[in-house]
N, C-alpha and C. Protein backbone atom coordinates (compact mmCIF):
# COMPACT_ATOMS: atom_id res chain seq x y z
N UNK A 1 9.49 -54.04 -13.66
CA UNK A 1 10.56 -53.29 -13.06
C UNK A 1 11.84 -53.58 -13.86
N UNK A 2 12.53 -52.52 -14.18
CA UNK A 2 13.74 -52.68 -14.98
C UNK A 2 14.89 -53.13 -14.07
N UNK A 3 15.97 -53.58 -14.70
CA UNK A 3 17.15 -54.01 -13.97
C UNK A 3 17.71 -52.84 -13.16
N UNK A 4 17.71 -51.66 -13.77
CA UNK A 4 18.21 -50.47 -13.08
C UNK A 4 17.39 -50.19 -11.82
N UNK A 5 16.09 -50.31 -11.89
CA UNK A 5 15.22 -50.08 -10.74
C UNK A 5 15.45 -51.14 -9.66
N UNK A 6 15.67 -52.38 -10.09
CA UNK A 6 15.95 -53.44 -9.12
C UNK A 6 17.24 -53.15 -8.35
N UNK A 7 18.26 -52.71 -9.06
CA UNK A 7 19.53 -52.37 -8.40
C UNK A 7 19.35 -51.19 -7.46
N UNK A 8 18.56 -50.23 -7.81
CA UNK A 8 18.29 -49.08 -6.93
C UNK A 8 17.59 -49.54 -5.65
N UNK A 9 16.68 -50.49 -5.77
CA UNK A 9 16.00 -51.04 -4.59
C UNK A 9 17.01 -51.77 -3.71
N UNK A 10 17.88 -52.59 -4.32
CA UNK A 10 18.89 -53.32 -3.56
C UNK A 10 19.83 -52.36 -2.85
N UNK A 11 20.31 -51.34 -3.55
CA UNK A 11 21.21 -50.34 -2.96
C UNK A 11 20.49 -49.61 -1.82
N UNK A 12 19.24 -49.29 -2.01
CA UNK A 12 18.45 -48.61 -0.97
C UNK A 12 18.31 -49.47 0.28
N UNK A 13 18.04 -50.75 0.10
CA UNK A 13 17.91 -51.67 1.24
C UNK A 13 19.25 -51.79 1.98
N UNK A 14 20.34 -51.93 1.22
CA UNK A 14 21.67 -52.03 1.84
C UNK A 14 21.98 -50.75 2.62
N UNK A 15 21.67 -49.59 2.04
CA UNK A 15 21.92 -48.31 2.73
C UNK A 15 21.08 -48.22 4.00
N UNK A 16 19.84 -48.64 3.93
CA UNK A 16 18.96 -48.61 5.09
C UNK A 16 19.47 -49.53 6.20
N UNK A 17 19.87 -50.75 5.84
CA UNK A 17 20.41 -51.69 6.83
C UNK A 17 21.72 -51.17 7.42
N UNK A 18 22.60 -50.64 6.59
CA UNK A 18 23.87 -50.09 7.07
C UNK A 18 23.65 -48.92 8.01
N UNK A 19 22.74 -48.04 7.64
CA UNK A 19 22.43 -46.89 8.51
C UNK A 19 21.83 -47.34 9.83
N UNK A 20 20.99 -48.34 9.79
CA UNK A 20 20.40 -48.87 11.03
C UNK A 20 21.44 -49.51 11.93
N UNK A 21 22.36 -50.26 11.33
CA UNK A 21 23.43 -50.90 12.11
C UNK A 21 24.34 -49.84 12.73
N UNK A 22 24.68 -48.81 11.96
CA UNK A 22 25.53 -47.74 12.49
C UNK A 22 24.84 -47.03 13.65
N UNK A 23 23.58 -46.69 13.47
CA UNK A 23 22.82 -45.99 14.52
C UNK A 23 22.70 -46.86 15.77
N UNK A 24 22.39 -48.12 15.59
CA UNK A 24 22.27 -49.02 16.74
C UNK A 24 23.58 -49.15 17.47
N UNK A 25 24.68 -49.30 16.74
CA UNK A 25 25.97 -49.45 17.41
C UNK A 25 26.37 -48.16 18.12
N UNK A 26 25.99 -47.02 17.58
CA UNK A 26 26.31 -45.74 18.23
C UNK A 26 25.54 -45.58 19.55
N UNK A 27 24.25 -45.84 19.51
CA UNK A 27 23.42 -45.62 20.69
C UNK A 27 23.50 -46.76 21.70
N UNK A 28 23.86 -47.94 21.26
CA UNK A 28 23.93 -49.10 22.15
C UNK A 28 25.37 -49.49 22.46
N UNK A 29 26.31 -48.58 22.24
CA UNK A 29 27.73 -48.89 22.42
C UNK A 29 28.02 -49.55 23.75
N UNK A 30 27.50 -48.97 24.85
CA UNK A 30 27.78 -49.52 26.18
C UNK A 30 27.19 -50.91 26.35
N UNK A 31 26.05 -51.16 25.75
CA UNK A 31 25.42 -52.46 25.89
C UNK A 31 26.11 -53.52 25.02
N UNK A 32 26.79 -53.09 23.97
CA UNK A 32 27.41 -54.04 23.04
C UNK A 32 28.84 -54.40 23.44
N UNK A 33 29.48 -53.57 24.26
CA UNK A 33 30.84 -53.88 24.68
C UNK A 33 30.79 -54.73 25.94
N UNK A 34 31.72 -55.63 26.06
CA UNK A 34 31.72 -56.50 27.23
C UNK A 34 32.80 -56.07 28.21
N UNK A 35 32.59 -56.43 29.44
CA UNK A 35 33.55 -56.15 30.50
C UNK A 35 34.14 -57.50 30.88
N UNK A 36 35.29 -57.81 30.27
CA UNK A 36 35.90 -59.12 30.46
C UNK A 36 37.39 -58.95 30.74
N UNK A 37 38.02 -60.06 31.06
CA UNK A 37 39.47 -60.05 31.26
C UNK A 37 40.12 -59.57 29.96
N UNK A 38 41.01 -58.61 30.11
CA UNK A 38 41.70 -58.04 28.96
C UNK A 38 41.10 -56.74 28.47
N UNK A 39 39.88 -56.42 28.92
CA UNK A 39 39.27 -55.16 28.50
C UNK A 39 39.62 -54.05 29.50
N UNK A 40 39.52 -52.82 29.04
CA UNK A 40 39.74 -51.69 29.93
C UNK A 40 38.61 -51.64 30.96
N UNK A 41 38.99 -51.36 32.20
CA UNK A 41 37.98 -51.25 33.26
C UNK A 41 37.19 -49.96 33.04
N UNK A 42 35.87 -50.06 32.98
CA UNK A 42 35.08 -48.85 32.78
C UNK A 42 35.09 -47.98 34.04
N UNK A 43 34.92 -46.69 33.84
CA UNK A 43 34.87 -45.77 34.97
C UNK A 43 33.58 -45.94 35.76
N UNK A 44 33.61 -45.50 36.99
CA UNK A 44 32.42 -45.52 37.84
C UNK A 44 32.52 -44.34 38.79
N UNK A 45 31.41 -44.03 39.44
CA UNK A 45 31.37 -42.99 40.46
C UNK A 45 30.64 -43.56 41.66
N UNK A 46 31.21 -43.36 42.85
CA UNK A 46 30.58 -43.80 44.09
C UNK A 46 30.97 -42.83 45.20
N UNK A 47 30.32 -42.94 46.33
CA UNK A 47 30.52 -42.01 47.44
C UNK A 47 31.24 -42.68 48.59
N UNK A 48 32.09 -41.90 49.27
CA UNK A 48 32.71 -42.39 50.49
C UNK A 48 31.65 -42.40 51.60
N UNK A 49 31.97 -43.02 52.70
CA UNK A 49 31.04 -43.05 53.84
C UNK A 49 31.27 -41.88 54.79
N UNK A 50 32.17 -40.98 54.41
CA UNK A 50 32.45 -39.81 55.23
C UNK A 50 31.24 -38.88 55.29
N UNK A 51 31.27 -37.98 56.26
CA UNK A 51 30.27 -36.92 56.33
C UNK A 51 31.00 -35.60 56.27
N UNK A 52 30.83 -34.82 55.23
CA UNK A 52 30.03 -35.11 54.04
C UNK A 52 30.75 -36.12 53.13
N UNK A 53 29.95 -36.83 52.37
CA UNK A 53 30.49 -37.85 51.47
C UNK A 53 31.29 -37.18 50.36
N UNK A 54 32.34 -37.85 49.94
CA UNK A 54 33.15 -37.41 48.81
C UNK A 54 32.90 -38.36 47.64
N UNK A 55 32.98 -37.83 46.46
CA UNK A 55 32.81 -38.64 45.26
C UNK A 55 34.16 -39.20 44.84
N UNK A 56 34.18 -40.48 44.56
CA UNK A 56 35.39 -41.15 44.06
C UNK A 56 35.04 -41.83 42.74
N UNK A 57 36.08 -42.00 41.93
CA UNK A 57 35.91 -42.69 40.65
C UNK A 57 37.14 -43.54 40.40
N UNK A 58 37.10 -44.32 39.35
CA UNK A 58 38.23 -45.17 39.01
C UNK A 58 39.49 -44.34 38.77
N UNK A 59 39.34 -43.11 38.31
CA UNK A 59 40.51 -42.28 38.05
C UNK A 59 41.27 -41.96 39.34
N UNK A 60 40.62 -42.03 40.50
CA UNK A 60 41.33 -41.83 41.76
C UNK A 60 42.39 -42.89 42.01
N UNK A 61 42.30 -44.02 41.31
CA UNK A 61 43.20 -45.14 41.54
C UNK A 61 44.10 -45.40 40.32
N UNK A 62 44.16 -44.43 39.42
CA UNK A 62 44.97 -44.57 38.21
C UNK A 62 46.42 -44.87 38.59
N UNK A 63 47.01 -45.87 37.95
CA UNK A 63 48.38 -46.25 38.23
C UNK A 63 48.53 -47.25 39.37
N UNK A 64 47.43 -47.58 40.03
CA UNK A 64 47.45 -48.54 41.14
C UNK A 64 46.92 -49.89 40.67
N UNK A 65 47.30 -50.93 41.41
CA UNK A 65 46.68 -52.24 41.24
C UNK A 65 45.46 -52.23 42.17
N UNK A 66 44.29 -52.54 41.61
CA UNK A 66 43.04 -52.40 42.35
C UNK A 66 42.26 -53.71 42.32
N UNK A 67 41.76 -54.09 43.48
CA UNK A 67 40.76 -55.14 43.58
C UNK A 67 39.44 -54.41 43.78
N UNK A 68 38.59 -54.42 42.76
CA UNK A 68 37.30 -53.73 42.80
C UNK A 68 36.22 -54.75 43.09
N UNK A 69 35.60 -54.62 44.25
CA UNK A 69 34.59 -55.58 44.71
C UNK A 69 33.23 -54.88 44.74
N UNK A 70 32.24 -55.50 44.12
CA UNK A 70 30.87 -54.98 44.13
C UNK A 70 30.07 -55.90 45.03
N UNK A 71 29.46 -55.34 46.08
CA UNK A 71 28.89 -56.15 47.15
C UNK A 71 27.69 -55.45 47.79
N UNK A 72 27.08 -56.10 48.78
CA UNK A 72 25.98 -55.53 49.56
C UNK A 72 25.98 -56.14 50.96
N UNK A 73 25.47 -55.40 51.92
CA UNK A 73 25.47 -55.86 53.31
C UNK A 73 24.58 -57.08 53.52
N UNK A 74 23.54 -57.23 52.73
CA UNK A 74 22.59 -58.33 52.89
C UNK A 74 23.06 -59.61 52.20
N UNK A 75 24.18 -59.55 51.50
CA UNK A 75 24.68 -60.66 50.69
C UNK A 75 25.51 -61.62 51.56
N UNK A 76 25.04 -62.85 51.72
CA UNK A 76 25.74 -63.84 52.54
C UNK A 76 27.13 -64.18 51.98
N UNK A 77 27.27 -64.46 50.65
CA UNK A 77 28.62 -64.71 50.14
C UNK A 77 29.58 -63.52 50.33
N UNK A 78 29.03 -62.30 50.29
CA UNK A 78 29.87 -61.11 50.54
C UNK A 78 30.41 -61.15 51.96
N UNK A 79 29.56 -61.52 52.89
CA UNK A 79 29.98 -61.61 54.30
C UNK A 79 31.07 -62.68 54.47
N UNK A 80 30.96 -63.76 53.69
CA UNK A 80 31.94 -64.84 53.80
C UNK A 80 33.30 -64.44 53.25
N UNK A 81 33.33 -63.62 52.17
CA UNK A 81 34.62 -63.31 51.55
C UNK A 81 35.31 -62.08 52.13
N UNK A 82 34.60 -61.23 52.84
CA UNK A 82 35.21 -60.00 53.35
C UNK A 82 36.42 -60.25 54.27
N UNK A 83 36.37 -61.24 55.17
CA UNK A 83 37.57 -61.47 56.00
C UNK A 83 38.81 -61.81 55.16
N UNK A 84 38.65 -62.55 54.07
CA UNK A 84 39.82 -62.86 53.23
C UNK A 84 40.31 -61.62 52.50
N UNK A 85 39.41 -60.71 52.15
CA UNK A 85 39.83 -59.45 51.54
C UNK A 85 40.62 -58.61 52.53
N UNK A 86 40.17 -58.60 53.77
CA UNK A 86 40.89 -57.84 54.80
C UNK A 86 42.27 -58.44 55.03
N UNK A 87 42.36 -59.76 55.07
CA UNK A 87 43.66 -60.42 55.24
C UNK A 87 44.58 -60.08 54.07
N UNK A 88 44.05 -60.11 52.86
CA UNK A 88 44.83 -59.76 51.68
C UNK A 88 45.32 -58.31 51.76
N UNK A 89 44.44 -57.42 52.18
CA UNK A 89 44.79 -56.01 52.27
C UNK A 89 45.87 -55.78 53.33
N UNK A 90 45.78 -56.47 54.45
CA UNK A 90 46.80 -56.31 55.49
C UNK A 90 48.16 -56.77 54.99
N UNK A 91 48.17 -57.80 54.13
CA UNK A 91 49.44 -58.31 53.60
C UNK A 91 49.97 -57.46 52.46
N UNK A 92 49.10 -57.09 51.51
CA UNK A 92 49.59 -56.44 50.29
C UNK A 92 49.27 -54.94 50.21
N UNK A 93 48.44 -54.44 51.10
CA UNK A 93 48.18 -53.00 51.14
C UNK A 93 49.44 -52.18 51.33
N UNK A 94 50.33 -52.60 52.25
CA UNK A 94 51.58 -51.86 52.42
C UNK A 94 52.48 -51.88 51.17
N UNK A 95 52.23 -52.83 50.26
CA UNK A 95 53.01 -52.90 49.03
C UNK A 95 52.34 -52.12 47.89
N UNK A 96 51.20 -51.48 48.21
CA UNK A 96 50.54 -50.63 47.22
C UNK A 96 49.20 -51.12 46.71
N UNK A 97 48.74 -52.29 47.13
CA UNK A 97 47.45 -52.79 46.66
C UNK A 97 46.32 -51.92 47.19
N UNK A 98 45.39 -51.58 46.32
CA UNK A 98 44.17 -50.87 46.70
C UNK A 98 43.01 -51.85 46.59
N UNK A 99 42.26 -51.97 47.66
CA UNK A 99 40.99 -52.70 47.59
C UNK A 99 39.90 -51.67 47.73
N UNK A 100 39.00 -51.67 46.76
CA UNK A 100 37.88 -50.73 46.74
C UNK A 100 36.61 -51.56 46.66
N UNK A 101 35.85 -51.55 47.73
CA UNK A 101 34.61 -52.33 47.79
C UNK A 101 33.44 -51.35 47.69
N UNK A 102 32.65 -51.50 46.62
CA UNK A 102 31.54 -50.60 46.37
C UNK A 102 30.24 -51.30 46.74
N UNK A 103 29.60 -50.79 47.78
CA UNK A 103 28.32 -51.35 48.22
C UNK A 103 27.21 -50.84 47.30
N UNK A 104 26.33 -51.75 46.92
CA UNK A 104 25.17 -51.38 46.11
C UNK A 104 23.90 -51.45 46.94
N UNK A 105 24.06 -51.33 48.27
CA UNK A 105 22.89 -51.21 49.12
C UNK A 105 22.10 -49.98 48.70
N UNK A 106 20.80 -49.98 48.99
CA UNK A 106 19.95 -48.86 48.61
C UNK A 106 20.46 -47.54 49.18
N UNK A 107 20.06 -46.46 48.53
CA UNK A 107 20.40 -45.12 49.02
C UNK A 107 19.91 -44.98 50.46
N UNK A 108 20.66 -44.29 51.27
CA UNK A 108 20.29 -44.10 52.66
C UNK A 108 20.79 -45.20 53.58
N UNK A 109 21.55 -46.16 53.05
CA UNK A 109 22.02 -47.29 53.86
C UNK A 109 23.40 -47.04 54.45
N UNK A 110 23.84 -45.79 54.46
CA UNK A 110 25.18 -45.47 54.94
C UNK A 110 25.48 -46.00 56.33
N UNK A 111 24.54 -45.85 57.25
CA UNK A 111 24.78 -46.32 58.62
C UNK A 111 24.89 -47.84 58.67
N UNK A 112 24.06 -48.52 57.92
CA UNK A 112 24.12 -49.98 57.86
C UNK A 112 25.47 -50.44 57.31
N UNK A 113 25.97 -49.74 56.31
CA UNK A 113 27.27 -50.08 55.72
C UNK A 113 28.38 -49.82 56.72
N UNK A 114 28.32 -48.68 57.43
CA UNK A 114 29.34 -48.37 58.46
C UNK A 114 29.34 -49.44 59.55
N UNK A 115 28.16 -49.92 59.95
CA UNK A 115 28.08 -50.99 60.96
C UNK A 115 28.71 -52.28 60.44
N UNK A 116 28.48 -52.59 59.18
CA UNK A 116 29.08 -53.77 58.55
C UNK A 116 30.60 -53.65 58.58
N UNK A 117 31.12 -52.49 58.20
CA UNK A 117 32.56 -52.24 58.18
C UNK A 117 33.14 -52.43 59.58
N UNK A 118 32.46 -51.90 60.58
CA UNK A 118 32.94 -52.04 61.96
C UNK A 118 32.88 -53.50 62.42
N UNK A 119 31.79 -54.19 62.08
CA UNK A 119 31.63 -55.59 62.48
C UNK A 119 32.77 -56.46 61.94
N UNK A 120 33.18 -56.21 60.70
CA UNK A 120 34.21 -57.02 60.07
C UNK A 120 35.61 -56.41 60.20
N UNK A 121 35.72 -55.24 60.82
CA UNK A 121 37.02 -54.61 61.00
C UNK A 121 37.72 -54.30 59.69
N UNK A 122 36.96 -53.84 58.71
CA UNK A 122 37.52 -53.58 57.39
C UNK A 122 38.30 -52.27 57.38
N UNK A 123 39.50 -52.31 56.82
CA UNK A 123 40.35 -51.12 56.78
C UNK A 123 40.61 -50.63 55.36
N UNK A 124 40.16 -51.37 54.36
CA UNK A 124 40.31 -50.91 52.98
C UNK A 124 39.16 -49.98 52.62
N UNK A 125 39.24 -49.39 51.44
CA UNK A 125 38.26 -48.36 51.05
C UNK A 125 36.89 -48.97 50.74
N UNK A 126 35.89 -48.40 51.40
CA UNK A 126 34.50 -48.80 51.19
C UNK A 126 33.76 -47.60 50.60
N UNK A 127 33.12 -47.82 49.47
CA UNK A 127 32.32 -46.78 48.81
C UNK A 127 30.88 -47.24 48.71
N UNK A 128 29.99 -46.30 48.40
CA UNK A 128 28.57 -46.62 48.30
C UNK A 128 28.01 -46.06 47.00
N UNK A 129 27.30 -46.91 46.28
CA UNK A 129 26.59 -46.53 45.06
C UNK A 129 25.13 -46.93 45.27
N UNK A 130 24.39 -46.03 45.91
CA UNK A 130 22.99 -46.32 46.26
C UNK A 130 22.08 -46.56 45.07
N UNK A 131 22.44 -46.05 43.91
CA UNK A 131 21.64 -46.28 42.71
C UNK A 131 22.02 -47.59 42.02
N UNK A 132 23.15 -48.17 42.40
CA UNK A 132 23.59 -49.43 41.79
C UNK A 132 24.04 -49.29 40.35
N UNK A 133 24.42 -48.09 39.93
CA UNK A 133 24.81 -47.89 38.54
C UNK A 133 26.07 -48.68 38.18
N UNK A 134 26.94 -48.93 39.14
CA UNK A 134 28.16 -49.70 38.85
C UNK A 134 27.83 -51.10 38.35
N UNK A 135 26.69 -51.63 38.79
CA UNK A 135 26.31 -52.97 38.33
C UNK A 135 26.02 -52.98 36.83
N UNK A 136 25.41 -51.93 36.33
CA UNK A 136 25.16 -51.84 34.89
C UNK A 136 26.44 -51.57 34.12
N UNK A 137 27.28 -50.71 34.69
CA UNK A 137 28.54 -50.36 34.03
C UNK A 137 29.43 -51.60 33.88
N UNK A 138 29.49 -52.43 34.94
CA UNK A 138 30.35 -53.62 34.92
C UNK A 138 29.60 -54.88 34.50
N UNK A 139 28.35 -54.75 34.11
CA UNK A 139 27.54 -55.87 33.62
C UNK A 139 27.53 -57.05 34.61
N UNK A 140 27.32 -56.72 35.88
CA UNK A 140 27.32 -57.79 36.89
C UNK A 140 26.04 -58.59 36.81
N UNK A 141 26.11 -59.80 37.29
CA UNK A 141 24.94 -60.67 37.34
C UNK A 141 24.40 -60.80 38.75
N UNK A 142 25.10 -60.23 39.70
CA UNK A 142 24.71 -60.29 41.11
C UNK A 142 25.84 -59.76 41.96
N UNK A 143 25.79 -60.10 43.23
CA UNK A 143 26.88 -59.73 44.15
C UNK A 143 27.28 -60.98 44.92
N UNK A 144 28.53 -61.12 45.29
CA UNK A 144 29.63 -60.23 44.94
C UNK A 144 30.19 -60.55 43.55
N UNK A 145 30.76 -59.53 42.96
CA UNK A 145 31.57 -59.69 41.75
C UNK A 145 32.81 -58.83 41.95
N UNK A 146 33.94 -59.35 41.51
CA UNK A 146 35.21 -58.69 41.78
C UNK A 146 36.06 -58.66 40.53
N UNK A 147 36.69 -57.52 40.29
CA UNK A 147 37.62 -57.34 39.19
C UNK A 147 38.98 -56.97 39.75
N UNK A 148 40.03 -57.62 39.23
CA UNK A 148 41.40 -57.23 39.53
C UNK A 148 41.84 -56.38 38.35
N UNK A 149 42.24 -55.14 38.65
CA UNK A 149 42.59 -54.17 37.62
C UNK A 149 44.07 -53.81 37.77
N UNK A 150 44.81 -53.90 36.66
CA UNK A 150 46.24 -53.61 36.72
C UNK A 150 46.51 -52.10 36.67
N UNK A 151 47.77 -51.73 36.74
CA UNK A 151 48.17 -50.32 36.77
C UNK A 151 47.74 -49.54 35.52
N UNK A 152 47.55 -50.24 34.42
CA UNK A 152 47.14 -49.60 33.17
C UNK A 152 45.62 -49.55 33.01
N UNK A 153 44.88 -50.00 34.02
CA UNK A 153 43.43 -49.96 33.96
C UNK A 153 42.81 -51.12 33.20
N UNK A 154 43.56 -52.20 33.04
CA UNK A 154 43.06 -53.38 32.31
C UNK A 154 42.62 -54.43 33.32
N UNK A 155 41.47 -55.04 33.07
CA UNK A 155 40.95 -56.09 33.95
C UNK A 155 41.79 -57.35 33.74
N UNK A 156 42.38 -57.86 34.80
CA UNK A 156 43.22 -59.06 34.73
C UNK A 156 42.54 -60.29 35.31
N UNK A 157 41.50 -60.07 36.11
CA UNK A 157 40.71 -61.19 36.63
C UNK A 157 39.31 -60.66 36.90
N UNK A 158 38.32 -61.47 36.56
CA UNK A 158 36.94 -61.15 36.89
C UNK A 158 36.37 -62.37 37.57
N UNK A 159 35.83 -62.18 38.76
CA UNK A 159 35.33 -63.31 39.52
C UNK A 159 33.89 -63.05 39.93
N UNK A 160 33.02 -63.99 39.61
CA UNK A 160 31.61 -63.91 39.99
C UNK A 160 31.41 -64.81 41.19
N UNK A 161 30.89 -64.24 42.29
CA UNK A 161 30.67 -64.99 43.51
C UNK A 161 31.80 -64.78 44.50
N UNK A 162 31.69 -65.48 45.61
CA UNK A 162 32.70 -65.31 46.67
C UNK A 162 33.99 -66.04 46.29
N UNK A 163 35.09 -65.55 46.84
CA UNK A 163 36.37 -66.18 46.62
C UNK A 163 37.21 -66.01 47.88
N UNK A 164 38.22 -66.83 48.01
CA UNK A 164 39.19 -66.67 49.09
C UNK A 164 40.28 -65.77 48.53
N UNK A 165 40.19 -64.49 48.81
CA UNK A 165 41.10 -63.51 48.22
C UNK A 165 42.50 -63.58 48.82
N UNK A 166 42.64 -64.24 49.95
CA UNK A 166 43.98 -64.39 50.53
C UNK A 166 44.63 -65.71 50.14
N UNK A 167 44.03 -66.41 49.17
CA UNK A 167 44.59 -67.69 48.72
C UNK A 167 45.92 -67.46 48.02
N UNK A 168 46.70 -68.52 47.91
CA UNK A 168 48.02 -68.44 47.28
C UNK A 168 47.91 -67.96 45.83
N UNK A 169 46.94 -68.45 45.09
CA UNK A 169 46.78 -68.06 43.69
C UNK A 169 46.47 -66.58 43.52
N UNK A 170 45.55 -66.07 44.35
CA UNK A 170 45.22 -64.64 44.27
C UNK A 170 46.39 -63.78 44.70
N UNK A 171 47.07 -64.18 45.76
CA UNK A 171 48.24 -63.42 46.21
C UNK A 171 49.31 -63.39 45.13
N UNK A 172 49.54 -64.53 44.48
CA UNK A 172 50.58 -64.60 43.43
C UNK A 172 50.24 -63.64 42.29
N UNK A 173 48.99 -63.67 41.82
CA UNK A 173 48.58 -62.77 40.74
C UNK A 173 48.80 -61.32 41.15
N UNK A 174 48.36 -60.96 42.34
CA UNK A 174 48.47 -59.58 42.77
C UNK A 174 49.92 -59.16 43.02
N UNK A 175 50.72 -60.06 43.54
CA UNK A 175 52.14 -59.74 43.73
C UNK A 175 52.82 -59.50 42.38
N UNK A 176 52.46 -60.29 41.36
CA UNK A 176 53.02 -60.09 40.02
C UNK A 176 52.62 -58.72 39.47
N UNK A 177 51.36 -58.37 39.66
CA UNK A 177 50.88 -57.07 39.16
C UNK A 177 51.53 -55.90 39.92
N UNK A 178 51.70 -56.08 41.23
CA UNK A 178 52.34 -55.04 42.04
C UNK A 178 53.82 -54.87 41.68
N UNK A 179 54.45 -55.95 41.21
CA UNK A 179 55.87 -55.89 40.85
C UNK A 179 56.10 -55.14 39.53
N UNK A 180 55.06 -54.99 38.74
CA UNK A 180 55.22 -54.26 37.48
C UNK A 180 55.37 -52.77 37.77
N UNK A 181 56.28 -52.11 37.07
CA UNK A 181 56.50 -50.68 37.33
C UNK A 181 55.30 -49.85 36.91
N UNK A 182 55.15 -48.72 37.60
CA UNK A 182 54.08 -47.78 37.21
C UNK A 182 54.44 -47.16 35.88
N UNK A 183 53.43 -47.01 35.04
CA UNK A 183 53.64 -46.44 33.70
C UNK A 183 53.94 -44.95 33.78
């Protein structure tokens, strides 16, 4: 094999590897990007518990400070943290805070979710994603998982597991975000 032929083989291999990397990054874009603090919050679609149900997405909350909670009725840590979310909402909801809790209970669990909401006296927005697609979009590892999203749609806190959402630290973070002007 001549030197010229060897270089053609090398160039061919490099082109093949480059093309493969480009194709993989194009088709696996969602799997390769992470959902972390500082990244833009990805969009989602979920249904209200109304009859008939309405479709809501992250764009419905554009310009708002949002606590996005992914949860399920069967989740014990979710049950433990919901009262603190309600307390937080009662305090900061009048100042503009939106709490959006998306249940990933199976499709058809609307009545069970409504009973949960009534049991805990929840007054913030509860949505349902029976297919659980939000879990893939936000790369969750389980429930509950919660993201604090600022007015510009950037994730400012990501919390895996239950938390005391009415704690001084969480209130301080949210009050700071609420104090920032709308863009």
